mmCIF file of all heavy atoms, coordinates in Angstrom:
data_MODEL
# 
_entry.id   MODEL 
# 
loop_
_atom_site.group_PDB 
_atom_site.id 
_atom_site.type_symbol 
_atom_site.label_atom_id 
_atom_site.label_alt_id 
_atom_site.label_comp_id 
_atom_site.label_asym_id 
_atom_site.label_entity_id 
_atom_site.label_seq_id 
_atom_site.pdbx_PDB_ins_code 
_atom_site.Cartn_x 
_atom_site.Cartn_y 
_atom_site.Cartn_z 
_atom_site.occupancy 
_atom_site.B_iso_or_equiv 
_atom_site.pdbx_formal_charge 
_atom_site.auth_seq_id 
_atom_site.auth_comp_id 
_atom_site.auth_asym_id 
_atom_site.auth_atom_id 
_atom_site.pdbx_PDB_model_num 
ATOM 1   N N   . ARG A 1 1  ? -12.788 -4.324  7.987   1.00 0.00 ? 1  ARG A N   1 
ATOM 2   C CA  . ARG A 1 1  ? -11.542 -5.026  7.629   1.00 0.00 ? 1  ARG A CA  1 
ATOM 3   C C   . ARG A 1 1  ? -11.067 -4.623  6.240   1.00 0.00 ? 1  ARG A C   1 
ATOM 4   O O   . ARG A 1 1  ? -9.872  -4.379  6.026   1.00 0.00 ? 1  ARG A O   1 
ATOM 5   C CB  . ARG A 1 1  ? -11.767 -6.528  7.719   1.00 0.00 ? 1  ARG A CB  1 
ATOM 6   C CG  . ARG A 1 1  ? -10.517 -7.335  7.507   1.00 0.00 ? 1  ARG A CG  1 
ATOM 7   C CD  . ARG A 1 1  ? -10.775 -8.789  7.800   1.00 0.00 ? 1  ARG A CD  1 
ATOM 8   N NE  . ARG A 1 1  ? -9.564  -9.573  7.622   1.00 0.00 ? 1  ARG A NE  1 
ATOM 9   C CZ  . ARG A 1 1  ? -9.497  -10.870 7.862   1.00 0.00 ? 1  ARG A CZ  1 
ATOM 10  N NH1 . ARG A 1 1  ? -10.548 -11.527 8.306   1.00 0.00 ? 1  ARG A NH1 1 
ATOM 11  N NH2 . ARG A 1 1  ? -8.366  -11.527 7.668   1.00 0.00 ? 1  ARG A NH2 1 
ATOM 12  N N   . LEU A 1 2  ? -11.994 -4.538  5.291   1.00 0.00 ? 2  LEU A N   1 
ATOM 13  C CA  . LEU A 1 2  ? -11.625 -4.137  3.935   1.00 0.00 ? 2  LEU A CA  1 
ATOM 14  C C   . LEU A 1 2  ? -11.051 -2.729  3.942   1.00 0.00 ? 2  LEU A C   1 
ATOM 15  O O   . LEU A 1 2  ? -10.006 -2.475  3.338   1.00 0.00 ? 2  LEU A O   1 
ATOM 16  C CB  . LEU A 1 2  ? -12.821 -4.228  2.989   1.00 0.00 ? 2  LEU A CB  1 
ATOM 17  C CG  . LEU A 1 2  ? -12.555 -3.752  1.548   1.00 0.00 ? 2  LEU A CG  1 
ATOM 18  C CD1 . LEU A 1 2  ? -11.467 -4.588  0.886   1.00 0.00 ? 2  LEU A CD1 1 
ATOM 19  C CD2 . LEU A 1 2  ? -13.838 -3.772  0.738   1.00 0.00 ? 2  LEU A CD2 1 
ATOM 20  N N   . ARG A 1 3  ? -11.725 -1.791  4.619   1.00 0.00 ? 3  ARG A N   1 
ATOM 21  C CA  . ARG A 1 3  ? -11.209 -0.413  4.679   1.00 0.00 ? 3  ARG A CA  1 
ATOM 22  C C   . ARG A 1 3  ? -9.816  -0.392  5.287   1.00 0.00 ? 3  ARG A C   1 
ATOM 23  O O   . ARG A 1 3  ? -8.934  0.331   4.808   1.00 0.00 ? 3  ARG A O   1 
ATOM 24  C CB  . ARG A 1 3  ? -12.151 0.479   5.469   1.00 0.00 ? 3  ARG A CB  1 
ATOM 25  C CG  . ARG A 1 3  ? -13.416 0.837   4.711   1.00 0.00 ? 3  ARG A CG  1 
ATOM 26  C CD  . ARG A 1 3  ? -14.240 1.888   5.434   1.00 0.00 ? 3  ARG A CD  1 
ATOM 27  N NE  . ARG A 1 3  ? -14.676 1.427   6.735   1.00 0.00 ? 3  ARG A NE  1 
ATOM 28  C CZ  . ARG A 1 3  ? -15.945 1.371   7.138   1.00 0.00 ? 3  ARG A CZ  1 
ATOM 29  N NH1 . ARG A 1 3  ? -16.921 1.756   6.330   1.00 0.00 ? 3  ARG A NH1 1 
ATOM 30  N NH2 . ARG A 1 3  ? -16.256 0.951   8.338   1.00 0.00 ? 3  ARG A NH2 1 
ATOM 31  N N   . GLY A 1 4  ? -9.593  -1.182  6.335   1.00 0.00 ? 4  GLY A N   1 
ATOM 32  C CA  . GLY A 1 4  ? -8.268  -1.241  6.951   1.00 0.00 ? 4  GLY A CA  1 
ATOM 33  C C   . GLY A 1 4  ? -7.203  -1.718  5.982   1.00 0.00 ? 4  GLY A C   1 
ATOM 34  O O   . GLY A 1 4  ? -6.104  -1.149  5.927   1.00 0.00 ? 4  GLY A O   1 
ATOM 35  N N   . GLU A 1 5  ? -7.521  -2.742  5.213   1.00 0.00 ? 5  GLU A N   1 
ATOM 36  C CA  . GLU A 1 5  ? -6.565  -3.265  4.237   1.00 0.00 ? 5  GLU A CA  1 
ATOM 37  C C   . GLU A 1 5  ? -6.310  -2.251  3.126   1.00 0.00 ? 5  GLU A C   1 
ATOM 38  O O   . GLU A 1 5  ? -5.166  -2.080  2.681   1.00 0.00 ? 5  GLU A O   1 
ATOM 39  C CB  . GLU A 1 5  ? -7.049  -4.596  3.669   1.00 0.00 ? 5  GLU A CB  1 
ATOM 40  C CG  . GLU A 1 5  ? -7.017  -5.711  4.697   1.00 0.00 ? 5  GLU A CG  1 
ATOM 41  C CD  . GLU A 1 5  ? -7.466  -7.053  4.151   1.00 0.00 ? 5  GLU A CD  1 
ATOM 42  O OE1 . GLU A 1 5  ? -7.435  -7.269  2.923   1.00 0.00 ? 5  GLU A OE1 1 
ATOM 43  O OE2 . GLU A 1 5  ? -7.848  -7.921  4.970   1.00 0.00 ? 5  GLU A OE2 1 
ATOM 44  N N   . LEU A 1 6  ? -7.354  -1.567  2.681   1.00 0.00 ? 6  LEU A N   1 
ATOM 45  C CA  . LEU A 1 6  ? -7.182  -0.546  1.645   1.00 0.00 ? 6  LEU A CA  1 
ATOM 46  C C   . LEU A 1 6  ? -6.337  0.615   2.165   1.00 0.00 ? 6  LEU A C   1 
ATOM 47  O O   . LEU A 1 6  ? -5.477  1.144   1.444   1.00 0.00 ? 6  LEU A O   1 
ATOM 48  C CB  . LEU A 1 6  ? -8.540  -0.039  1.153   1.00 0.00 ? 6  LEU A CB  1 
ATOM 49  C CG  . LEU A 1 6  ? -9.447  -1.062  0.462   1.00 0.00 ? 6  LEU A CG  1 
ATOM 50  C CD1 . LEU A 1 6  ? -10.781 -0.423  0.091   1.00 0.00 ? 6  LEU A CD1 1 
ATOM 51  C CD2 . LEU A 1 6  ? -8.772  -1.685  -0.745  1.00 0.00 ? 6  LEU A CD2 1 
ATOM 52  N N   . GLU A 1 7  ? -6.565  1.013   3.411   1.00 0.00 ? 7  GLU A N   1 
ATOM 53  C CA  . GLU A 1 7  ? -5.779  2.099   4.005   1.00 0.00 ? 7  GLU A CA  1 
ATOM 54  C C   . GLU A 1 7  ? -4.306  1.707   4.126   1.00 0.00 ? 7  GLU A C   1 
ATOM 55  O O   . GLU A 1 7  ? -3.420  2.530   3.867   1.00 0.00 ? 7  GLU A O   1 
ATOM 56  C CB  . GLU A 1 7  ? -6.344  2.474   5.372   1.00 0.00 ? 7  GLU A CB  1 
ATOM 57  C CG  . GLU A 1 7  ? -7.651  3.224   5.278   1.00 0.00 ? 7  GLU A CG  1 
ATOM 58  C CD  . GLU A 1 7  ? -8.385  3.370   6.608   1.00 0.00 ? 7  GLU A CD  1 
ATOM 59  O OE1 . GLU A 1 7  ? -7.874  2.897   7.653   1.00 0.00 ? 7  GLU A OE1 1 
ATOM 60  O OE2 . GLU A 1 7  ? -9.473  3.967   6.593   1.00 0.00 ? 7  GLU A OE2 1 
ATOM 61  N N   . THR A 1 8  ? -4.042  0.470   4.498   1.00 0.00 ? 8  THR A N   1 
ATOM 62  C CA  . THR A 1 8  ? -2.660  -0.015  4.596   1.00 0.00 ? 8  THR A CA  1 
ATOM 63  C C   . THR A 1 8  ? -1.971  0.067   3.236   1.00 0.00 ? 8  THR A C   1 
ATOM 64  O O   . THR A 1 8  ? -0.835  0.526   3.121   1.00 0.00 ? 8  THR A O   1 
ATOM 65  C CB  . THR A 1 8  ? -2.633  -1.455  5.142   1.00 0.00 ? 8  THR A CB  1 
ATOM 66  O OG1 . THR A 1 8  ? -3.204  -1.455  6.453   1.00 0.00 ? 8  THR A OG1 1 
ATOM 67  C CG2 . THR A 1 8  ? -1.219  -2.009  5.188   1.00 0.00 ? 8  THR A CG2 1 
ATOM 68  N N   . TRP A 1 9  ? -2.658  -0.364  2.199   1.00 0.00 ? 9  TRP A N   1 
ATOM 69  C CA  . TRP A 1 9  ? -2.107  -0.285  0.840   1.00 0.00 ? 9  TRP A CA  1 
ATOM 70  C C   . TRP A 1 9  ? -1.875  1.157   0.419   1.00 0.00 ? 9  TRP A C   1 
ATOM 71  O O   . TRP A 1 9  ? -0.844  1.478   -0.162  1.00 0.00 ? 9  TRP A O   1 
ATOM 72  C CB  . TRP A 1 9  ? -3.052  -0.971  -0.154  1.00 0.00 ? 9  TRP A CB  1 
ATOM 73  C CG  . TRP A 1 9  ? -2.663  -2.388  -0.396  1.00 0.00 ? 9  TRP A CG  1 
ATOM 74  C CD1 . TRP A 1 9  ? -3.053  -3.483  0.322   1.00 0.00 ? 9  TRP A CD1 1 
ATOM 75  C CD2 . TRP A 1 9  ? -1.791  -2.870  -1.403  1.00 0.00 ? 9  TRP A CD2 1 
ATOM 76  N NE1 . TRP A 1 9  ? -2.475  -4.610  -0.189  1.00 0.00 ? 9  TRP A NE1 1 
ATOM 77  C CE2 . TRP A 1 9  ? -1.704  -4.269  -1.255  1.00 0.00 ? 9  TRP A CE2 1 
ATOM 78  C CE3 . TRP A 1 9  ? -1.080  -2.249  -2.419  1.00 0.00 ? 9  TRP A CE3 1 
ATOM 79  C CZ2 . TRP A 1 9  ? -0.927  -5.058  -2.090  1.00 0.00 ? 9  TRP A CZ2 1 
ATOM 80  C CZ3 . TRP A 1 9  ? -0.312  -3.041  -3.260  1.00 0.00 ? 9  TRP A CZ3 1 
ATOM 81  C CH2 . TRP A 1 9  ? -0.237  -4.421  -3.089  1.00 0.00 ? 9  TRP A CH2 1 
ATOM 82  N N   . LYS A 1 10 ? -2.836  2.005   0.706   1.00 0.00 ? 10 LYS A N   1 
ATOM 83  C CA  . LYS A 1 10 ? -2.684  3.410   0.309   1.00 0.00 ? 10 LYS A CA  1 
ATOM 84  C C   . LYS A 1 10 ? -1.469  4.028   0.990   1.00 0.00 ? 10 LYS A C   1 
ATOM 85  O O   . LYS A 1 10 ? -0.678  4.722   0.348   1.00 0.00 ? 10 LYS A O   1 
ATOM 86  C CB  . LYS A 1 10 ? -3.939  4.216   0.611   1.00 0.00 ? 10 LYS A CB  1 
ATOM 87  C CG  . LYS A 1 10 ? -3.815  5.648   0.078   1.00 0.00 ? 10 LYS A CG  1 
ATOM 88  C CD  . LYS A 1 10 ? -5.060  6.435   0.262   1.00 0.00 ? 10 LYS A CD  1 
ATOM 89  C CE  . LYS A 1 10 ? -4.880  7.870   -0.191  1.00 0.00 ? 10 LYS A CE  1 
ATOM 90  N NZ  . LYS A 1 10 ? -3.652  8.515   0.271   1.00 0.00 ? 10 LYS A NZ  1 
ATOM 91  N N   . ARG A 1 11 ? -1.298  3.779   2.285   1.00 0.00 ? 11 ARG A N   1 
ATOM 92  C CA  . ARG A 1 11 ? -0.122  4.307   2.992   1.00 0.00 ? 11 ARG A CA  1 
ATOM 93  C C   . ARG A 1 11 ? 1.175   3.787   2.373   1.00 0.00 ? 11 ARG A C   1 
ATOM 94  O O   . ARG A 1 11 ? 2.130   4.533   2.180   1.00 0.00 ? 11 ARG A O   1 
ATOM 95  C CB  . ARG A 1 11 ? -0.176  3.942   4.473   1.00 0.00 ? 11 ARG A CB  1 
ATOM 96  C CG  . ARG A 1 11 ? -1.044  4.857   5.294   1.00 0.00 ? 11 ARG A CG  1 
ATOM 97  C CD  . ARG A 1 11 ? -0.839  4.665   6.788   1.00 0.00 ? 11 ARG A CD  1 
ATOM 98  N NE  . ARG A 1 11 ? -1.005  3.291   7.243   1.00 0.00 ? 11 ARG A NE  1 
ATOM 99  C CZ  . ARG A 1 11 ? -2.181  2.736   7.547   1.00 0.00 ? 11 ARG A CZ  1 
ATOM 100 N NH1 . ARG A 1 11 ? -3.293  3.449   7.466   1.00 0.00 ? 11 ARG A NH1 1 
ATOM 101 N NH2 . ARG A 1 11 ? -2.241  1.487   7.932   1.00 0.00 ? 11 ARG A NH2 1 
ATOM 102 N N   . ALA A 1 12 ? 1.203   2.497   2.057   1.00 0.00 ? 12 ALA A N   1 
ATOM 103 C CA  . ALA A 1 12 ? 2.407   1.911   1.455   1.00 0.00 ? 12 ALA A CA  1 
ATOM 104 C C   . ALA A 1 12 ? 2.704   2.552   0.103   1.00 0.00 ? 12 ALA A C   1 
ATOM 105 O O   . ALA A 1 12 ? 3.859   2.863   -0.197  1.00 0.00 ? 12 ALA A O   1 
ATOM 106 C CB  . ALA A 1 12 ? 2.249   0.401   1.315   1.00 0.00 ? 12 ALA A CB  1 
ATOM 107 N N   . LEU A 1 13 ? 1.687   2.757   -0.694  1.00 0.00 ? 13 LEU A N   1 
ATOM 108 C CA  . LEU A 1 13 ? 1.904   3.385   -2.001  1.00 0.00 ? 13 LEU A CA  1 
ATOM 109 C C   . LEU A 1 13 ? 2.267   4.857   -1.856  1.00 0.00 ? 13 LEU A C   1 
ATOM 110 O O   . LEU A 1 13 ? 3.064   5.384   -2.633  1.00 0.00 ? 13 LEU A O   1 
ATOM 111 C CB  . LEU A 1 13 ? 0.666   3.220   -2.884  1.00 0.00 ? 13 LEU A CB  1 
ATOM 112 C CG  . LEU A 1 13 ? 0.394   1.803   -3.371  1.00 0.00 ? 13 LEU A CG  1 
ATOM 113 C CD1 . LEU A 1 13 ? -0.906  1.757   -4.157  1.00 0.00 ? 13 LEU A CD1 1 
ATOM 114 C CD2 . LEU A 1 13 ? 1.542   1.277   -4.210  1.00 0.00 ? 13 LEU A CD2 1 
ATOM 115 N N   . ASP A 1 14 ? 1.686   5.535   -0.867  1.00 0.00 ? 14 ASP A N   1 
ATOM 116 C CA  . ASP A 1 14 ? 2.027   6.940   -0.635  1.00 0.00 ? 14 ASP A CA  1 
ATOM 117 C C   . ASP A 1 14 ? 3.503   7.106   -0.276  1.00 0.00 ? 14 ASP A C   1 
ATOM 118 O O   . ASP A 1 14 ? 4.106   8.129   -0.567  1.00 0.00 ? 14 ASP A O   1 
ATOM 119 C CB  . ASP A 1 14 ? 1.172   7.540   0.491   1.00 0.00 ? 14 ASP A CB  1 
ATOM 120 C CG  . ASP A 1 14 ? -0.258  7.830   0.070   1.00 0.00 ? 14 ASP A CG  1 
ATOM 121 O OD1 . ASP A 1 14 ? -0.541  7.834   -1.147  1.00 0.00 ? 14 ASP A OD1 1 
ATOM 122 O OD2 . ASP A 1 14 ? -1.093  8.036   0.975   1.00 0.00 ? 14 ASP A OD2 1 
ATOM 123 N N   . GLN A 1 15 ? 4.081   6.100   0.363   1.00 0.00 ? 15 GLN A N   1 
ATOM 124 C CA  . GLN A 1 15 ? 5.477   6.169   0.798   1.00 0.00 ? 15 GLN A CA  1 
ATOM 125 C C   . GLN A 1 15 ? 6.459   5.754   -0.287  1.00 0.00 ? 15 GLN A C   1 
ATOM 126 O O   . GLN A 1 15 ? 7.662   5.877   -0.110  1.00 0.00 ? 15 GLN A O   1 
ATOM 127 C CB  . GLN A 1 15 ? 5.686   5.290   2.036   1.00 0.00 ? 15 GLN A CB  1 
ATOM 128 C CG  . GLN A 1 15 ? 4.926   5.791   3.236   1.00 0.00 ? 15 GLN A CG  1 
ATOM 129 C CD  . GLN A 1 15 ? 4.974   4.822   4.401   1.00 0.00 ? 15 GLN A CD  1 
ATOM 130 O OE1 . GLN A 1 15 ? 5.603   3.775   4.330   1.00 0.00 ? 15 GLN A OE1 1 
ATOM 131 N NE2 . GLN A 1 15 ? 4.290   5.173   5.479   1.00 0.00 ? 15 GLN A NE2 1 
ATOM 132 N N   . SER A 1 16 ? 5.959   5.275   -1.398  1.00 0.00 ? 16 SER A N   1 
ATOM 133 C CA  . SER A 1 16 ? 6.820   4.778   -2.460  1.00 0.00 ? 16 SER A CA  1 
ATOM 134 C C   . SER A 1 16 ? 6.622   5.602   -3.720  1.00 0.00 ? 16 SER A C   1 
ATOM 135 O O   . SER A 1 16 ? 5.506   5.883   -4.122  1.00 0.00 ? 16 SER A O   1 
ATOM 136 C CB  . SER A 1 16 ? 6.479   3.320   -2.756  1.00 0.00 ? 16 SER A CB  1 
ATOM 137 O OG  . SER A 1 16 ? 7.210   2.883   -3.872  1.00 0.00 ? 16 SER A OG  1 
ATOM 138 N N   . LEU A 1 17 ? 7.718   5.966   -4.347  1.00 0.00 ? 17 LEU A N   1 
ATOM 139 C CA  . LEU A 1 17 ? 7.632   6.698   -5.615  1.00 0.00 ? 17 LEU A CA  1 
ATOM 140 C C   . LEU A 1 17 ? 7.567   5.744   -6.799  1.00 0.00 ? 17 LEU A C   1 
ATOM 141 O O   . LEU A 1 17 ? 7.199   6.140   -7.884  1.00 0.00 ? 17 LEU A O   1 
ATOM 142 C CB  . LEU A 1 17 ? 8.823   7.644   -5.759  1.00 0.00 ? 17 LEU A CB  1 
ATOM 143 C CG  . LEU A 1 17 ? 8.903   8.733   -4.699  1.00 0.00 ? 17 LEU A CG  1 
ATOM 144 C CD1 . LEU A 1 17 ? 10.164  9.572   -4.901  1.00 0.00 ? 17 LEU A CD1 1 
ATOM 145 C CD2 . LEU A 1 17 ? 7.668   9.620   -4.738  1.00 0.00 ? 17 LEU A CD2 1 
ATOM 146 N N   . SER A 1 18 ? 7.933   4.497   -6.588  1.00 0.00 ? 18 SER A N   1 
ATOM 147 C CA  . SER A 1 18 ? 7.882   3.506   -7.657  1.00 0.00 ? 18 SER A CA  1 
ATOM 148 C C   . SER A 1 18 ? 6.635   2.650   -7.476  1.00 0.00 ? 18 SER A C   1 
ATOM 149 O O   . SER A 1 18 ? 5.779   2.958   -6.665  1.00 0.00 ? 18 SER A O   1 
ATOM 150 C CB  . SER A 1 18 ? 9.145   2.641   -7.629  1.00 0.00 ? 18 SER A CB  1 
ATOM 151 O OG  . SER A 1 18 ? 9.181   1.898   -6.437  1.00 0.00 ? 18 SER A OG  1 
ATOM 152 N N   . SER A 1 19 ? 6.557   1.594   -8.226  1.00 0.00 ? 19 SER A N   1 
ATOM 153 C CA  . SER A 1 19 ? 5.452   0.642   -8.098  1.00 0.00 ? 19 SER A CA  1 
ATOM 154 C C   . SER A 1 19 ? 5.993   -0.647  -7.499  1.00 0.00 ? 19 SER A C   1 
ATOM 155 O O   . SER A 1 19 ? 6.290   -1.595  -8.216  1.00 0.00 ? 19 SER A O   1 
ATOM 156 C CB  . SER A 1 19 ? 4.820   0.356   -9.456  1.00 0.00 ? 19 SER A CB  1 
ATOM 157 O OG  . SER A 1 19 ? 4.153   1.471   -9.943  1.00 0.00 ? 19 SER A OG  1 
ATOM 158 N N   . PRO A 1 20 ? 6.137   -0.689  -6.170  1.00 0.00 ? 20 PRO A N   1 
ATOM 159 C CA  . PRO A 1 20 ? 6.679   -1.903  -5.564  1.00 0.00 ? 20 PRO A CA  1 
ATOM 160 C C   . PRO A 1 20 ? 5.725   -3.075  -5.726  1.00 0.00 ? 20 PRO A C   1 
ATOM 161 O O   . PRO A 1 20 ? 4.519   -2.904  -5.780  1.00 0.00 ? 20 PRO A O   1 
ATOM 162 C CB  . PRO A 1 20 ? 6.819   -1.521  -4.086  1.00 0.00 ? 20 PRO A CB  1 
ATOM 163 C CG  . PRO A 1 20 ? 5.789   -0.457  -3.879  1.00 0.00 ? 20 PRO A CG  1 
ATOM 164 C CD  . PRO A 1 20 ? 5.704   0.278   -5.187  1.00 0.00 ? 20 PRO A CD  1 
ATOM 165 N N   . ARG A 1 21 ? 6.298   -4.257  -5.828  1.00 0.00 ? 21 ARG A N   1 
ATOM 166 C CA  . ARG A 1 21 ? 5.485   -5.469  -5.874  1.00 0.00 ? 21 ARG A CA  1 
ATOM 167 C C   . ARG A 1 21 ? 4.992   -5.757  -4.462  1.00 0.00 ? 21 ARG A C   1 
ATOM 168 O O   . ARG A 1 21 ? 5.625   -5.348  -3.485  1.00 0.00 ? 21 ARG A O   1 
ATOM 169 C CB  . ARG A 1 21 ? 6.307   -6.665  -6.383  1.00 0.00 ? 21 ARG A CB  1 
ATOM 170 C CG  . ARG A 1 21 ? 6.958   -6.455  -7.724  1.00 0.00 ? 21 ARG A CG  1 
ATOM 171 C CD  . ARG A 1 21 ? 6.149   -6.158  -8.973  1.00 0.00 ? 21 ARG A CD  1 
ATOM 172 N NE  . ARG A 1 21 ? 4.729   -6.301  -9.029  1.00 0.00 ? 21 ARG A NE  1 
ATOM 173 C CZ  . ARG A 1 21 ? 3.919   -5.413  -9.633  1.00 0.00 ? 21 ARG A CZ  1 
ATOM 174 N NH1 . ARG A 1 21 ? 4.392   -4.327  -10.182 1.00 0.00 ? 21 ARG A NH1 1 
ATOM 175 N NH2 . ARG A 1 21 ? 2.632   -5.621  -9.685  1.00 0.00 ? 21 ARG A NH2 1 
ATOM 176 N N   . PRO A 1 22 ? 3.877   -6.453  -4.304  1.00 0.00 ? 22 PRO A N   1 
ATOM 177 C CA  . PRO A 1 22 ? 3.337   -6.720  -2.969  1.00 0.00 ? 22 PRO A CA  1 
ATOM 178 C C   . PRO A 1 22 ? 4.357   -7.330  -2.014  1.00 0.00 ? 22 PRO A C   1 
ATOM 179 O O   . PRO A 1 22 ? 4.435   -6.935  -0.862  1.00 0.00 ? 22 PRO A O   1 
ATOM 180 C CB  . PRO A 1 22 ? 2.182   -7.677  -3.231  1.00 0.00 ? 22 PRO A CB  1 
ATOM 181 C CG  . PRO A 1 22 ? 1.763   -7.375  -4.630  1.00 0.00 ? 22 PRO A CG  1 
ATOM 182 C CD  . PRO A 1 22 ? 3.029   -6.989  -5.360  1.00 0.00 ? 22 PRO A CD  1 
ATOM 183 N N   . ALA A 1 23 ? 5.161   -8.284  -2.490  1.00 0.00 ? 23 ALA A N   1 
ATOM 184 C CA  . ALA A 1 23 ? 6.148   -8.919  -1.614  1.00 0.00 ? 23 ALA A CA  1 
ATOM 185 C C   . ALA A 1 23 ? 7.188   -7.904  -1.133  1.00 0.00 ? 23 ALA A C   1 
ATOM 186 O O   . ALA A 1 23 ? 7.706   -8.011  -0.034  1.00 0.00 ? 23 ALA A O   1 
ATOM 187 C CB  . ALA A 1 23 ? 6.826   -10.075 -2.327  1.00 0.00 ? 23 ALA A CB  1 
ATOM 188 N N   . GLU A 1 24 ? 7.496   -6.908  -1.955  1.00 0.00 ? 24 GLU A N   1 
ATOM 189 C CA  . GLU A 1 24 ? 8.493   -5.906  -1.585  1.00 0.00 ? 24 GLU A CA  1 
ATOM 190 C C   . GLU A 1 24 ? 7.999   -5.013  -0.457  1.00 0.00 ? 24 GLU A C   1 
ATOM 191 O O   . GLU A 1 24 ? 8.801   -4.477  0.295   1.00 0.00 ? 24 GLU A O   1 
ATOM 192 C CB  . GLU A 1 24 ? 8.848   -5.041  -2.798  1.00 0.00 ? 24 GLU A CB  1 
ATOM 193 C CG  . GLU A 1 24 ? 9.568   -5.789  -3.896  1.00 0.00 ? 24 GLU A CG  1 
ATOM 194 C CD  . GLU A 1 24 ? 9.721   -4.960  -5.160  1.00 0.00 ? 24 GLU A CD  1 
ATOM 195 O OE1 . GLU A 1 24 ? 9.472   -3.753  -5.135  1.00 0.00 ? 24 GLU A OE1 1 
ATOM 196 O OE2 . GLU A 1 24 ? 10.096  -5.560  -6.190  1.00 0.00 ? 24 GLU A OE2 1 
# 
């Protein structure tokens, strides 16, 4: 579960050039 959550975050950050807030 932890790896899945970390992978989700990594994908989200990979798709963003800025530093989006979690809610964004």
